[in-house]
Amino acid sequence: MTSGRGPQVLEIVALSRVFDLPRAFATANTPTVRVIGPDQVTDPAKIEVAISWVPTDDAFAPYPNLRMVSSIAAGVDRILACPSLPDHVVVTRIRDTAQADMMAGFAAWHVVWHHRRMGQYVANQPLRIWDRSFQPPAPGQVRVGILGFGLMGQACARVIGAMGFPVVAARSSASATPVPDGVTVLAGPGSIQAVAERSDILINVLPLTDATRDVLDAALFARMPAGAVLVQIGRGEQMVEADLLAALDSGHLAGASVDVFRSEPPPADHPFWGHPNILVTPHRASDTSRLEILRQIALNYAALVAGQPAPGAVSRTAGY
């Protein structure tokens, strides 16, 4: 915090090796909250808050009094894995219902895309083919599975269930969270595999943890019904890309939507680009406004200053 004749200013240092965060947040800065780059820090000892996405290994080392690091989104795995993150620093993430609504709409769009085979109509248009022969099953006959039942997964389940699709979701542990009508939740060990077995369309919105890394692999795809579809909007490190290709090329899976990759952007020769049964989108499933991100960071920091738990704090043990 800095002070002078005006109100106190919370200076947040932006630490990311993939995004120019000071530029991205320039129009969201307020008289009391300001995002700055490391080159703008005049006294590292005064920095108590950082915002980050894919930090360098030594990103946090210059700031001896750092108290809190916030992700720019829901994911915190790269921050938690950073070697220079001190043990005492609180890590927070963004929880935004508007972002969850965007995620749910994105997921629902992909459900319709695959359920109604919209890709075929897109391919037919330049060929001037008018083909009405495909008769889709009723939504009630198409089982949609959701891996992850946090804020994002719950929003997806509400929207997709309201469209008439029976929904089954997997979560890591039991919860008292109300479950919408038409939605079944399985919890605990084996729930991911059980949901995959019951899913004609499987949507992944899991957080990235040691338990979920590489979870979308050949063994899981083999459990899915023949002709099933994957919608991957979780984290890139959760999917073994070669295994998805093998499942599609063998004909066991009928299609996939992939919004997240292990390396982004994927290289020009990545096999997903030209695959006829994969729809690629550039990590755009959801987003949060810059103003909302700064509002939540300020709220979390104020709680820490007051000696209270930060509302957006994550468990380092759980990874979310």
C-alpha atoms as a PDB file:
ATOM      1  CA  MET A   1       0.000   0.000   0.000  1.00  0.00           C
ATOM      2  CA  THR A   2       1.139   3.521  -0.722  1.00  0.00           C
ATOM      3  CA  SER A   3      -0.217   6.674   0.860  1.00  0.00           C
ATOM      4  CA  GLY A   4      -0.071  10.377   0.377  1.00  0.00           C
ATOM      5  CA  ARG A   5      -2.519  13.239   0.487  1.00  0.00           C
ATOM      6  CA  GLY A   6      -5.141  11.235  -1.383  1.00  0.00           C
ATOM      7  CA  PRO A   7      -6.652   7.846  -0.613  1.00  0.00           C
ATOM      8  CA  GLN A   8      -4.422   4.850  -0.053  1.00  0.00           C
ATOM      9  CA  VAL A   9      -3.527   3.023  -3.239  1.00  0.00           C
ATOM     10  CA  LEU A  10      -3.259  -0.767  -3.404  1.00  0.00           C
ATOM     11  CA  GLU A  11      -0.448  -1.450  -5.867  1.00  0.00           C
ATOM     12  CA  ILE A  12      -0.641  -4.957  -7.283  1.00  0.00           C
ATOM     13  CA  VAL A  13       2.401  -6.269  -9.084  1.00  0.00           C
ATOM     14  CA  ALA A  14       1.569  -8.322 -12.170  1.00  0.00           C
ATOM     15  CA  LEU A  15       3.679 -11.454 -12.648  1.00  0.00           C
ATOM     16  CA  SER A  16       3.094 -13.495 -15.788  1.00  0.00           C
ATOM     17  CA  ARG A  17       5.360 -14.806 -18.512  1.00  0.00           C
ATOM     18  CA  VAL A  18       2.576 -15.255 -21.069  1.00  0.00           C
ATOM     19  CA  PHE A  19       0.375 -12.149 -20.730  1.00  0.00           C
ATOM     20  CA  ASP A  20       1.128  -8.422 -20.501  1.00  0.00           C
ATOM     21  CA  LEU A  21      -1.090  -7.996 -17.445  1.00  0.00           C
ATOM     22  CA  PRO A  22      -0.261  -4.312 -16.715  1.00  0.00           C
ATOM     23  CA  ARG A  23      -1.457  -3.449 -20.211  1.00  0.00           C
ATOM     24  CA  ALA A  24      -4.504  -5.702 -19.934  1.00  0.00           C
ATOM     25  CA  PHE A  25      -5.601  -4.043 -16.687  1.00  0.00           C
ATOM     26  CA  ALA A  26      -4.656  -0.469 -17.605  1.00  0.00           C
ATOM     27  CA  THR A  27      -8.248   0.599 -18.266  1.00  0.00           C
ATOM     28  CA  ALA A  28      -9.509  -1.122 -15.090  1.00  0.00           C
ATOM     29  CA  ASN A  29      -7.213   0.720 -12.670  1.00  0.00           C
ATOM     30  CA  THR A  30      -8.973   2.960 -10.164  1.00  0.00           C
ATOM     31  CA  PRO A  31      -7.760   5.728  -7.824  1.00  0.00           C
ATOM     32  CA  THR A  32      -7.338   3.093  -5.085  1.00  0.00           C
ATOM     33  CA  VAL A  33      -6.330  -0.086  -6.955  1.00  0.00           C
ATOM     34  CA  ARG A  34      -3.584  -0.171  -9.571  1.00  0.00           C
ATOM     35  CA  VAL A  35      -1.857  -3.008 -11.435  1.00  0.00           C
ATOM     36  CA  ILE A  36       1.803  -2.360 -12.189  1.00  0.00           C
ATOM     37  CA  GLY A  37       4.640  -4.288 -13.804  1.00  0.00           C
ATOM     38  CA  PRO A  38       7.818  -5.321 -11.979  1.00  0.00           C
ATOM     39  CA  ASP A  39       9.663  -2.539 -13.807  1.00  0.00           C
ATOM     40  CA  GLN A  40       7.328  -0.004 -12.174  1.00  0.00           C
ATOM     41  CA  VAL A  41       7.980  -1.164  -8.616  1.00  0.00           C
ATOM     42  CA  THR A  42      10.039   1.459  -6.790  1.00  0.00           C
ATOM     43  CA  ASP A  43      10.318  -0.431  -3.492  1.00  0.00           C
ATOM     44  CA  PRO A  44       9.787  -4.222  -3.608  1.00  0.00           C
ATOM     45  CA  ALA A  45       9.424  -4.287   0.193  1.00  0.00           C
ATOM     46  CA  LYS A  46       6.160  -2.354  -0.097  1.00  0.00           C
ATOM     47  CA  ILE A  47       4.518  -4.887  -2.390  1.00  0.00           C
ATOM     48  CA  GLU A  48       2.026  -7.055  -0.490  1.00  0.00           C
ATOM     49  CA  VAL A  49      -0.220  -8.258  -3.331  1.00  0.00           C
ATOM     50  CA  ALA A  50       0.514  -9.826  -6.712  1.00  0.00           C
ATOM     51  CA  ILE A  51      -1.686 -10.899  -9.586  1.00  0.00           C
ATOM     52  CA  SER A  52      -0.367 -13.753 -11.660  1.00  0.00           C
ATOM     53  CA  TRP A  53      -0.860 -16.246 -14.474  1.00  0.00           C
ATOM     54  CA  VAL A  54       1.975 -18.665 -15.328  1.00  0.00           C
ATOM     55  CA  PRO A  55       4.671 -16.958 -13.230  1.00  0.00           C
ATOM     56  CA  THR A  56       8.366 -17.509 -13.852  1.00  0.00           C
ATOM     57  CA  ASP A  57      10.154 -19.702 -11.305  1.00  0.00           C
ATOM     58  CA  ASP A  58      11.659 -16.683  -9.513  1.00  0.00           C
ATOM     59  CA  ALA A  59       8.649 -14.380  -9.924  1.00  0.00           C
ATOM     60  CA  PHE A  60       7.883 -13.918  -6.206  1.00  0.00           C
ATOM     61  CA  ALA A  61      11.452 -13.787  -4.905  1.00  0.00           C
ATOM     62  CA  PRO A  62      11.932  -9.977  -5.089  1.00  0.00           C
ATOM     63  CA  TYR A  63       9.004  -9.206  -2.733  1.00  0.00           C
ATOM     64  CA  PRO A  64       9.890 -10.000   0.899  1.00  0.00           C
ATOM     65  CA  ASN A  65       6.582  -8.770   2.344  1.00  0.00           C
ATOM     66  CA  LEU A  66       4.214 -10.442  -0.104  1.00  0.00           C
ATOM     67  CA  ARG A  67       1.002 -11.519   1.641  1.00  0.00           C
ATOM     68  CA  MET A  68      -1.322 -12.557  -1.160  1.00  0.00           C
ATOM     69  CA  VAL A  69      -1.172 -13.761  -4.753  1.00  0.00           C
ATOM     70  CA  SER A  70      -4.324 -13.791  -6.866  1.00  0.00           C
ATOM     71  CA  SER A  71      -4.898 -15.716 -10.046  1.00  0.00           C
ATOM     72  CA  ILE A  72      -6.599 -13.834 -12.871  1.00  0.00           C
ATOM     73  CA  ALA A  73      -9.107 -16.692 -13.139  1.00  0.00           C
ATOM     74  CA  ALA A  74     -10.273 -19.835 -11.331  1.00  0.00           C
ATOM     75  CA  GLY A  75      -7.096 -21.838 -12.025  1.00  0.00           C
ATOM     76  CA  VAL A  76      -4.218 -21.592  -9.536  1.00  0.00           C
ATOM     77  CA  ASP A  77      -2.101 -24.639 -10.398  1.00  0.00           C
ATOM     78  CA  ARG A  78       0.775 -22.718 -12.012  1.00  0.00           C
ATOM     79  CA  ILE A  79       0.956 -20.349  -9.031  1.00  0.00           C
ATOM     80  CA  LEU A  80       0.951 -23.161  -6.467  1.00  0.00           C
ATOM     81  CA  ALA A  81       3.706 -24.947  -8.395  1.00  0.00           C
ATOM     82  CA  CYS A  82       5.981 -21.893  -8.531  1.00  0.00           C
ATOM     83  CA  PRO A  83       9.230 -22.578  -6.590  1.00  0.00           C
ATOM     84  CA  SER A  84       9.524 -18.997  -5.317  1.00  0.00           C
ATOM     85  CA  LEU A  85       6.030 -18.865  -3.762  1.00  0.00           C
ATOM     86  CA  PRO A  86       6.553 -18.489   0.012  1.00  0.00           C
ATOM     87  CA  ASP A  87       4.678 -20.900   2.250  1.00  0.00           C
ATOM     88  CA  HIS A  88       2.950 -18.152   4.208  1.00  0.00           C
ATOM     89  CA  VAL A  89       1.481 -16.331   1.201  1.00  0.00           C
ATOM     90  CA  VAL A  90      -2.272 -16.694   0.718  1.00  0.00           C
ATOM     91  CA  VAL A  91      -3.269 -17.733  -2.803  1.00  0.00           C
ATOM     92  CA  THR A  92      -6.671 -16.637  -4.045  1.00  0.00           C
ATOM     93  CA  ARG A  93      -8.688 -17.263  -7.171  1.00  0.00           C
ATOM     94  CA  ILE A  94     -11.580 -15.549  -8.910  1.00  0.00           C
ATOM     95  CA  ARG A  95     -15.080 -16.892  -8.336  1.00  0.00           C
ATOM     96  CA  ASP A  96     -17.485 -15.105 -10.652  1.00  0.00           C
ATOM     97  CA  THR A  97     -21.097 -16.140 -11.250  1.00  0.00           C
ATOM     98  CA  ALA A  98     -21.143 -14.185 -14.505  1.00  0.00           C
ATOM     99  CA  GLN A  99     -18.094 -16.146 -15.654  1.00  0.00           C
ATOM    100  CA  ALA A 100     -19.857 -19.379 -14.655  1.00  0.00           C
ATOM    101  CA  ASP A 101     -22.853 -18.337 -16.757  1.00  0.00           C
ATOM    102  CA  MET A 102     -20.525 -17.812 -19.733  1.00  0.00           C
ATOM    103  CA  MET A 103     -18.988 -21.240 -19.164  1.00  0.00           C
ATOM    104  CA  ALA A 104     -22.435 -22.833 -18.968  1.00  0.00           C
ATOM    105  CA  GLY A 105     -23.532 -21.195 -22.209  1.00  0.00           C
ATOM    106  CA  PHE A 106     -20.349 -22.338 -23.933  1.00  0.00           C
ATOM    107  CA  ALA A 107     -20.837 -25.906 -22.716  1.00  0.00           C
ATOM    108  CA  ALA A 108     -24.495 -25.915 -23.750  1.00  0.00           C
ATOM    109  CA  TRP A 109     -23.556 -24.674 -27.235  1.00  0.00           C
ATOM    110  CA  HIS A 110     -21.151 -27.582 -27.662  1.00  0.00           C
ATOM    111  CA  VAL A 111     -23.765 -30.038 -26.443  1.00  0.00           C
ATOM    112  CA  VAL A 112     -26.119 -28.787 -29.158  1.00  0.00           C
ATOM    113  CA  TRP A 113     -23.270 -28.781 -31.728  1.00  0.00           C
ATOM    114  CA  HIS A 114     -22.627 -32.468 -31.190  1.00  0.00           C
ATOM    115  CA  HIS A 115     -26.181 -33.572 -30.458  1.00  0.00           C
ATOM    116  CA  ARG A 116     -27.540 -32.004 -33.656  1.00  0.00           C
ATOM    117  CA  ARG A 117     -24.395 -32.620 -35.747  1.00  0.00           C
ATOM    118  CA  MET A 118     -24.134 -28.947 -36.622  1.00  0.00           C
ATOM    119  CA  GLY A 119     -20.655 -29.439 -38.041  1.00  0.00           C
ATOM    120  CA  GLN A 120     -22.143 -31.351 -40.946  1.00  0.00           C
ATOM    121  CA  TYR A 121     -24.356 -28.407 -41.858  1.00  0.00           C
ATOM    122  CA  VAL A 122     -21.355 -26.077 -41.742  1.00  0.00           C
ATOM    123  CA  ALA A 123     -19.495 -28.441 -44.093  1.00  0.00           C
ATOM    124  CA  ASN A 124     -22.524 -28.740 -46.390  1.00  0.00           C
ATOM    125  CA  GLN A 125     -23.115 -25.010 -46.803  1.00  0.00           C
ATOM    126  CA  PRO A 126     -20.248 -24.168 -49.211  1.00  0.00           C
ATOM    127  CA  LEU A 127     -21.172 -27.279 -51.210  1.00  0.00           C
ATOM    128  CA  ARG A 128     -24.803 -26.103 -51.390  1.00  0.00           C
ATOM    129  CA  ILE A 129     -26.020 -29.407 -49.987  1.00  0.00           C
ATOM    130  CA  TRP A 130     -29.528 -29.403 -48.462  1.00  0.00           C
ATOM    131  CA  ASP A 131     -29.555 -32.593 -46.382  1.00  0.00           C
ATOM    132  CA  ARG A 132     -32.285 -33.099 -43.791  1.00  0.00           C
ATOM    133  CA  SER A 133     -31.813 -36.839 -43.383  1.00  0.00           C
ATOM    134  CA  PHE A 134     -30.311 -36.869 -39.872  1.00  0.00           C
ATOM    135  CA  GLN A 135     -32.906 -37.411 -37.150  1.00  0.00           C
ATOM    136  CA  PRO A 136     -31.418 -36.551 -33.739  1.00  0.00           C
ATOM    137  CA  PRO A 137     -32.572 -38.399 -30.634  1.00  0.00           C
ATOM    138  CA  ALA A 138     -34.667 -36.457 -28.129  1.00  0.00           C
ATOM    139  CA  PRO A 139     -32.601 -34.620 -25.492  1.00  0.00           C
ATOM    140  CA  GLY A 140     -33.983 -36.949 -22.846  1.00  0.00           C
ATOM    141  CA  GLN A 141     -32.233 -39.841 -24.573  1.00  0.00           C
ATOM    142  CA  VAL A 142     -28.796 -38.187 -24.550  1.00  0.00           C
ATOM    143  CA  ARG A 143     -26.899 -38.472 -21.268  1.00  0.00           C
ATOM    144  CA  VAL A 144     -24.586 -35.582 -20.444  1.00  0.00           C
ATOM    145  CA  GLY A 145     -21.816 -36.084 -17.888  1.00  0.00           C
ATOM    146  CA  ILE A 146     -20.002 -33.269 -16.129  1.00  0.00           C
ATOM    147  CA  LEU A 147     -16.646 -33.810 -14.455  1.00  0.00           C
ATOM    148  CA  GLY A 148     -16.418 -31.252 -11.650  1.00  0.00           C
ATOM    149  CA  PHE A 149     -19.285 -29.807  -9.656  1.00  0.00           C
ATOM    150  CA  GLY A 150     -17.932 -26.557  -8.308  1.00  0.00           C
ATOM    151  CA  LEU A 151     -19.185 -23.136  -9.401  1.00  0.00           C
ATOM    152  CA  MET A 152     -18.615 -23.871 -13.099  1.00  0.00           C
ATOM    153  CA  GLY A 153     -19.916 -27.421 -13.059  1.00  0.00           C
ATOM    154  CA  GLN A 154     -23.062 -26.458 -11.195  1.00  0.00           C
ATOM    155  CA  ALA A 155     -23.830 -23.699 -13.694  1.00  0.00           C
ATOM    156  CA  CYS A 156     -23.324 -26.113 -16.602  1.00  0.00           C
ATOM    157  CA  ALA A 157     -25.582 -28.692 -14.963  1.00  0.00           C
ATOM    158  CA  ARG A 158     -28.397 -26.177 -14.405  1.00  0.00           C
ATOM    159  CA  VAL A 159     -28.383 -24.931 -17.984  1.00  0.00           C
ATOM    160  CA  ILE A 160     -27.956 -28.287 -19.714  1.00  0.00           C
ATOM    161  CA  GLY A 161     -30.472 -29.972 -17.435  1.00  0.00           C
ATOM    162  CA  ALA A 162     -32.993 -27.234 -18.227  1.00  0.00           C
ATOM    163  CA  MET A 163     -32.570 -28.107 -21.922  1.00  0.00           C
ATOM    164  CA  GLY A 164     -33.994 -31.559 -21.216  1.00  0.00           C
ATOM    165  CA  PHE A 165     -30.757 -33.563 -21.093  1.00  0.00           C
ATOM    166  CA  PRO A 166     -30.327 -35.943 -18.133  1.00  0.00           C
ATOM    167  CA  VAL A 167     -27.166 -34.834 -16.340  1.00  0.00           C
ATOM    168  CA  VAL A 168     -24.823 -36.788 -14.084  1.00  0.00           C
ATOM    169  CA  ALA A 169     -21.901 -35.012 -12.440  1.00  0.00           C
ATOM    170  CA  ALA A 170     -18.782 -36.116 -10.582  1.00  0.00           C
ATOM    171  CA  ARG A 171     -17.325 -34.320  -7.600  1.00  0.00           C
ATOM    172  CA  SER A 172     -14.448 -35.188  -5.286  1.00  0.00           C
ATOM    173  CA  SER A 173     -16.477 -35.324  -2.072  1.00  0.00           C
ATOM    174  CA  ALA A 174     -20.044 -35.197  -0.817  1.00  0.00           C
ATOM    175  CA  SER A 175     -21.605 -31.777  -0.299  1.00  0.00           C
ATOM    176  CA  ALA A 176     -24.812 -30.226   0.929  1.00  0.00           C
ATOM    177  CA  THR A 177     -24.979 -28.059  -2.213  1.00  0.00           C
ATOM    178  CA  PRO A 178     -28.527 -28.237  -3.632  1.00  0.00           C
ATOM    179  CA  VAL A 179     -28.753 -30.306  -6.802  1.00  0.00           C
ATOM    180  CA  PRO A 180     -31.061 -29.104  -9.625  1.00  0.00           C
ATOM    181  CA  ASP A 181     -33.880 -31.325 -10.803  1.00  0.00           C
ATOM    182  CA  GLY A 182     -32.747 -33.785 -13.442  1.00  0.00           C
ATOM    183  CA  VAL A 183     -29.168 -33.789 -12.166  1.00  0.00           C
ATOM    184  CA  THR A 184     -27.487 -36.721 -10.377  1.00  0.00           C
ATOM    185  CA  VAL A 185     -24.229 -36.172  -8.495  1.00  0.00           C
ATOM    186  CA  LEU A 186     -21.730 -38.943  -7.770  1.00  0.00           C
ATOM    187  CA  ALA A 187     -19.013 -38.214  -5.211  1.00  0.00           C
ATOM    188  CA  GLY A 188     -15.746 -39.694  -4.055  1.00  0.00           C
ATOM    189  CA  PRO A 189     -13.251 -42.172  -5.514  1.00  0.00           C
ATOM    190  CA  GLY A 190     -14.361 -43.674  -8.790  1.00  0.00           C
ATOM    191  CA  SER A 191     -16.965 -40.991  -9.487  1.00  0.00           C
ATOM    192  CA  ILE A 192     -15.120 -39.669 -12.550  1.00  0.00           C
ATOM    193  CA  GLN A 193     -14.974 -43.109 -14.108  1.00  0.00           C
ATOM    194  CA  ALA A 194     -18.608 -43.845 -13.202  1.00  0.00           C
ATOM    195  CA  VAL A 195     -19.784 -40.619 -14.833  1.00  0.00           C
ATOM    196  CA  ALA A 196     -17.725 -41.322 -17.960  1.00  0.00           C
ATOM    197  CA  GLU A 197     -19.435 -44.708 -18.317  1.00  0.00           C
ATOM    198  CA  ARG A 198     -22.847 -43.009 -18.293  1.00  0.00           C
ATOM    199  CA  SER A 199     -22.076 -40.120 -20.657  1.00  0.00           C
ATOM    200  CA  ASP A 200     -22.974 -39.799 -24.321  1.00  0.00           C
ATOM    201  CA  ILE A 201     -21.491 -36.306 -24.083  1.00  0.00           C
ATOM    202  CA  LEU A 202     -18.825 -35.798 -21.403  1.00  0.00           C
ATOM    203  CA  ILE A 203     -17.901 -32.254 -20.305  1.00  0.00           C
ATOM    204  CA  ASN A 204     -14.735 -31.667 -18.285  1.00  0.00           C
ATOM    205  CA  VAL A 205     -14.569 -28.648 -15.957  1.00  0.00           C
ATOM    206  CA  LEU A 206     -12.347 -30.167 -13.254  1.00  0.00           C
ATOM    207  CA  PRO A 207      -9.674 -28.087 -11.509  1.00  0.00           C
ATOM    208  CA  LEU A 208      -6.114 -29.178 -12.156  1.00  0.00           C
ATOM    209  CA  THR A 209      -4.675 -31.165  -9.234  1.00  0.00           C
ATOM    210  CA  ASP A 210      -2.322 -34.127  -8.901  1.00  0.00           C
ATOM    211  CA  ALA A 211      -5.403 -36.359  -8.956  1.00  0.00           C
ATOM    212  CA  THR A 212      -6.837 -34.857 -12.160  1.00  0.00           C
ATOM    213  CA  ARG A 213      -3.645 -34.499 -14.192  1.00  0.00           C
ATOM    214  CA  ASP A 214      -3.876 -36.805 -17.245  1.00  0.00           C
ATOM    215  CA  VAL A 215      -7.313 -38.005 -16.097  1.00  0.00           C
ATOM    216  CA  LEU A 216      -8.671 -37.821 -19.651  1.00  0.00           C
ATOM    217  CA  ASP A 217      -6.702 -40.760 -20.971  1.00  0.00           C
ATOM    218  CA  ALA A 218      -7.157 -43.980 -22.921  1.00  0.00           C
ATOM    219  CA  ALA A 219      -8.548 -45.831 -19.906  1.00  0.00           C
ATOM    220  CA  LEU A 220     -11.254 -43.206 -19.344  1.00  0.00           C
ATOM    221  CA  PHE A 221     -12.134 -42.953 -23.037  1.00  0.00           C
ATOM    222  CA  ALA A 222     -12.506 -46.746 -23.165  1.00  0.00           C
ATOM    223  CA  ARG A 223     -15.121 -46.528 -20.394  1.00  0.00           C
ATOM    224  CA  MET A 224     -17.246 -44.079 -22.377  1.00  0.00           C
ATOM    225  CA  PRO A 225     -20.045 -45.492 -24.545  1.00  0.00           C
ATOM    226  CA  ALA A 226     -19.223 -46.165 -28.190  1.00  0.00           C
ATOM    227  CA  GLY A 227     -19.969 -43.056 -30.235  1.00  0.00           C
ATOM    228  CA  ALA A 228     -19.659 -40.706 -27.260  1.00  0.00           C
ATOM    229  CA  VAL A 229     -18.274 -37.162 -27.435  1.00  0.00           C
ATOM    230  CA  LEU A 230     -15.823 -35.218 -25.240  1.00  0.00           C
ATOM    231  CA  VAL A 231     -16.068 -31.494 -24.474  1.00  0.00           C
ATOM    232  CA  GLN A 232     -12.740 -30.460 -22.904  1.00  0.00           C
ATOM    233  CA  ILE A 233     -13.026 -27.040 -21.241  1.00  0.00           C
ATOM    234  CA  GLY A 234     -11.099 -27.780 -18.040  1.00  0.00           C
ATOM    235  CA  ARG A 235      -7.298 -27.618 -18.062  1.00  0.00           C
ATOM    236  CA  GLY A 236      -4.988 -28.662 -20.864  1.00  0.00           C
ATOM    237  CA  GLU A 237      -2.801 -30.845 -18.647  1.00  0.00           C
ATOM    238  CA  GLN A 238      -5.775 -33.047 -17.816  1.00  0.00           C
ATOM    239  CA  MET A 239      -5.955 -34.636 -21.266  1.00  0.00           C
ATOM    240  CA  VAL A 240      -3.545 -37.026 -22.934  1.00  0.00           C
ATOM    241  CA  GLU A 241      -3.885 -35.662 -26.449  1.00  0.00           C
ATOM    242  CA  ALA A 242      -2.510 -38.754 -28.202  1.00  0.00           C
ATOM    243  CA  ASP A 243      -5.090 -40.883 -26.388  1.00  0.00           C
ATOM    244  CA  LEU A 244      -7.929 -38.693 -27.627  1.00  0.00           C
ATOM    245  CA  LEU A 245      -6.646 -38.989 -31.191  1.00  0.00           C
ATOM    246  CA  ALA A 246      -6.469 -42.771 -30.858  1.00  0.00           C
ATOM    247  CA  ALA A 247     -10.007 -42.971 -29.448  1.00  0.00           C
ATOM    248  CA  LEU A 248     -11.354 -40.866 -32.318  1.00  0.00           C
ATOM    249  CA  ASP A 249      -9.393 -42.594 -35.065  1.00  0.00           C
ATOM    250  CA  SER A 250     -10.498 -46.004 -33.815  1.00  0.00           C
ATOM    251  CA  GLY A 251     -14.116 -44.870 -34.042  1.00  0.00           C
ATOM    252  CA  HIS A 252     -14.829 -45.464 -30.350  1.00  0.00           C
ATOM    253  CA  LEU A 253     -15.403 -41.738 -29.779  1.00  0.00           C
ATOM    254  CA  ALA A 254     -17.392 -39.831 -32.393  1.00  0.00           C
ATOM    255  CA  GLY A 255     -16.115 -36.320 -31.773  1.00  0.00           C
ATOM    256  CA  ALA A 256     -14.580 -33.788 -29.432  1.00  0.00           C
ATOM    257  CA  SER A 257     -14.500 -30.093 -28.657  1.00  0.00           C
ATOM    258  CA  VAL A 258     -11.159 -28.878 -27.296  1.00  0.00           C
ATOM    259  CA  ASP A 259     -10.811 -25.393 -25.816  1.00  0.00           C
ATOM    260  CA  VAL A 260      -7.660 -25.917 -23.711  1.00  0.00           C
ATOM    261  CA  PHE A 261      -4.255 -27.371 -24.577  1.00  0.00           C
ATOM    262  CA  ARG A 262      -1.083 -28.361 -22.748  1.00  0.00           C
ATOM    263  CA  SER A 263       0.785 -25.764 -24.787  1.00  0.00           C
ATOM    264  CA  GLU A 264      -1.092 -22.698 -26.007  1.00  0.00           C
ATOM    265  CA  PRO A 265      -1.431 -21.863 -28.749  1.00  0.00           C
ATOM    266  CA  PRO A 266      -0.954 -25.328 -30.196  1.00  0.00           C
ATOM    267  CA  PRO A 267       1.651 -25.395 -32.990  1.00  0.00           C
ATOM    268  CA  ALA A 268       0.542 -25.139 -36.592  1.00  0.00           C
ATOM    269  CA  ASP A 269       1.290 -28.829 -37.170  1.00  0.00           C
ATOM    270  CA  HIS A 270      -0.767 -30.000 -34.180  1.00  0.00           C
ATOM    271  CA  PRO A 271      -2.994 -32.876 -35.387  1.00  0.00           C
ATOM    272  CA  PHE A 272      -6.117 -31.416 -33.769  1.00  0.00           C
ATOM    273  CA  TRP A 273      -6.214 -28.500 -36.227  1.00  0.00           C
ATOM    274  CA  GLY A 274      -7.061 -30.619 -39.234  1.00  0.00           C
ATOM    275  CA  HIS A 275      -8.947 -33.449 -37.597  1.00  0.00           C
ATOM    276  CA  PRO A 276     -12.465 -33.768 -39.064  1.00  0.00           C
ATOM    277  CA  ASN A 277     -14.020 -34.784 -35.746  1.00  0.00           C
ATOM    278  CA  ILE A 278     -12.434 -32.164 -33.469  1.00  0.00           C
ATOM    279  CA  LEU A 279     -13.695 -28.617 -33.006  1.00  0.00           C
ATOM    280  CA  VAL A 280     -10.879 -26.349 -31.735  1.00  0.00           C
ATOM    281  CA  THR A 281     -11.565 -23.081 -29.907  1.00  0.00           C
ATOM    282  CA  PRO A 282      -8.843 -20.765 -28.515  1.00  0.00           C
ATOM    283  CA  HIS A 283      -9.369 -21.048 -24.725  1.00  0.00           C
ATOM    284  CA  ARG A 284     -12.454 -18.849 -24.770  1.00  0.00           C
ATOM    285  CA  ALA A 285     -14.980 -20.857 -22.741  1.00  0.00           C
ATOM    286  CA  SER A 286     -15.383 -18.061 -20.195  1.00  0.00           C
ATOM    287  CA  ASP A 287     -13.893 -14.830 -18.974  1.00  0.00           C
ATOM    288  CA  THR A 288     -14.198 -12.331 -16.125  1.00  0.00           C
ATOM    289  CA  SER A 289     -14.163  -8.568 -16.483  1.00  0.00           C
ATOM    290  CA  ARG A 290     -10.996  -6.793 -15.383  1.00  0.00           C
ATOM    291  CA  LEU A 291     -13.018  -4.621 -13.007  1.00  0.00           C
ATOM    292  CA  GLU A 292     -14.493  -7.689 -11.306  1.00  0.00           C
ATOM    293  CA  ILE A 293     -11.066  -9.258 -10.905  1.00  0.00           C
ATOM    294  CA  LEU A 294      -9.696  -6.137  -9.203  1.00  0.00           C
ATOM    295  CA  ARG A 295     -12.812  -5.855  -7.052  1.00  0.00           C
ATOM    296  CA  GLN A 296     -12.324  -9.393  -5.766  1.00  0.00           C
ATOM    297  CA  ILE A 297      -8.598  -8.887  -5.183  1.00  0.00           C
ATOM    298  CA  ALA A 298      -9.296  -5.763  -3.122  1.00  0.00           C
ATOM    299  CA  LEU A 299     -11.987  -7.632  -1.164  1.00  0.00           C
ATOM    300  CA  ASN A 300      -9.656 -10.549  -0.424  1.00  0.00           C
ATOM    301  CA  TYR A 301      -6.835  -8.241   0.616  1.00  0.00           C
ATOM    302  CA  ALA A 302      -9.104  -6.198   2.885  1.00  0.00           C
ATOM    303  CA  ALA A 303     -10.137  -9.395   4.648  1.00  0.00           C
ATOM    304  CA  LEU A 304      -6.487 -10.326   5.255  1.00  0.00           C
ATOM    305  CA  VAL A 305      -5.711  -6.872   6.628  1.00  0.00           C
ATOM    306  CA  ALA A 306      -8.671  -7.216   8.988  1.00  0.00           C
ATOM    307  CA  GLY A 307      -7.388 -10.579  10.182  1.00  0.00           C
ATOM    308  CA  GLN A 308     -10.188 -12.488   8.452  1.00  0.00           C
ATOM    309  CA  PRO A 309      -9.988 -15.386   5.975  1.00  0.00           C
ATOM    310  CA  ALA A 310      -9.882 -14.193   2.354  1.00  0.00           C
ATOM    311  CA  PRO A 311     -13.164 -15.211   0.639  1.00  0.00           C
ATOM    312  CA  GLY A 312     -11.313 -16.386  -2.462  1.00  0.00           C
ATOM    313  CA  ALA A 313      -8.503 -18.275  -0.701  1.00  0.00           C
ATOM    314  CA  VAL A 314      -7.671 -21.737  -2.021  1.00  0.00           C
ATOM    315  CA  SER A 315      -6.477 -24.809  -0.164  1.00  0.00           C
ATOM    316  CA  ARG A 316      -2.887 -25.579  -1.055  1.00  0.00           C
ATOM    317  CA  THR A 317      -3.508 -29.198  -0.165  1.00  0.00           C
ATOM    318  CA  ALA A 318      -6.573 -29.580  -2.369  1.00  0.00           C
ATOM    319  CA  GLY A 319      -5.248 -27.319  -5.116  1.00  0.00           C
ATOM    320  CA  TYR A 320      -8.468 -25.283  -5.436  1.00  0.00           C
END
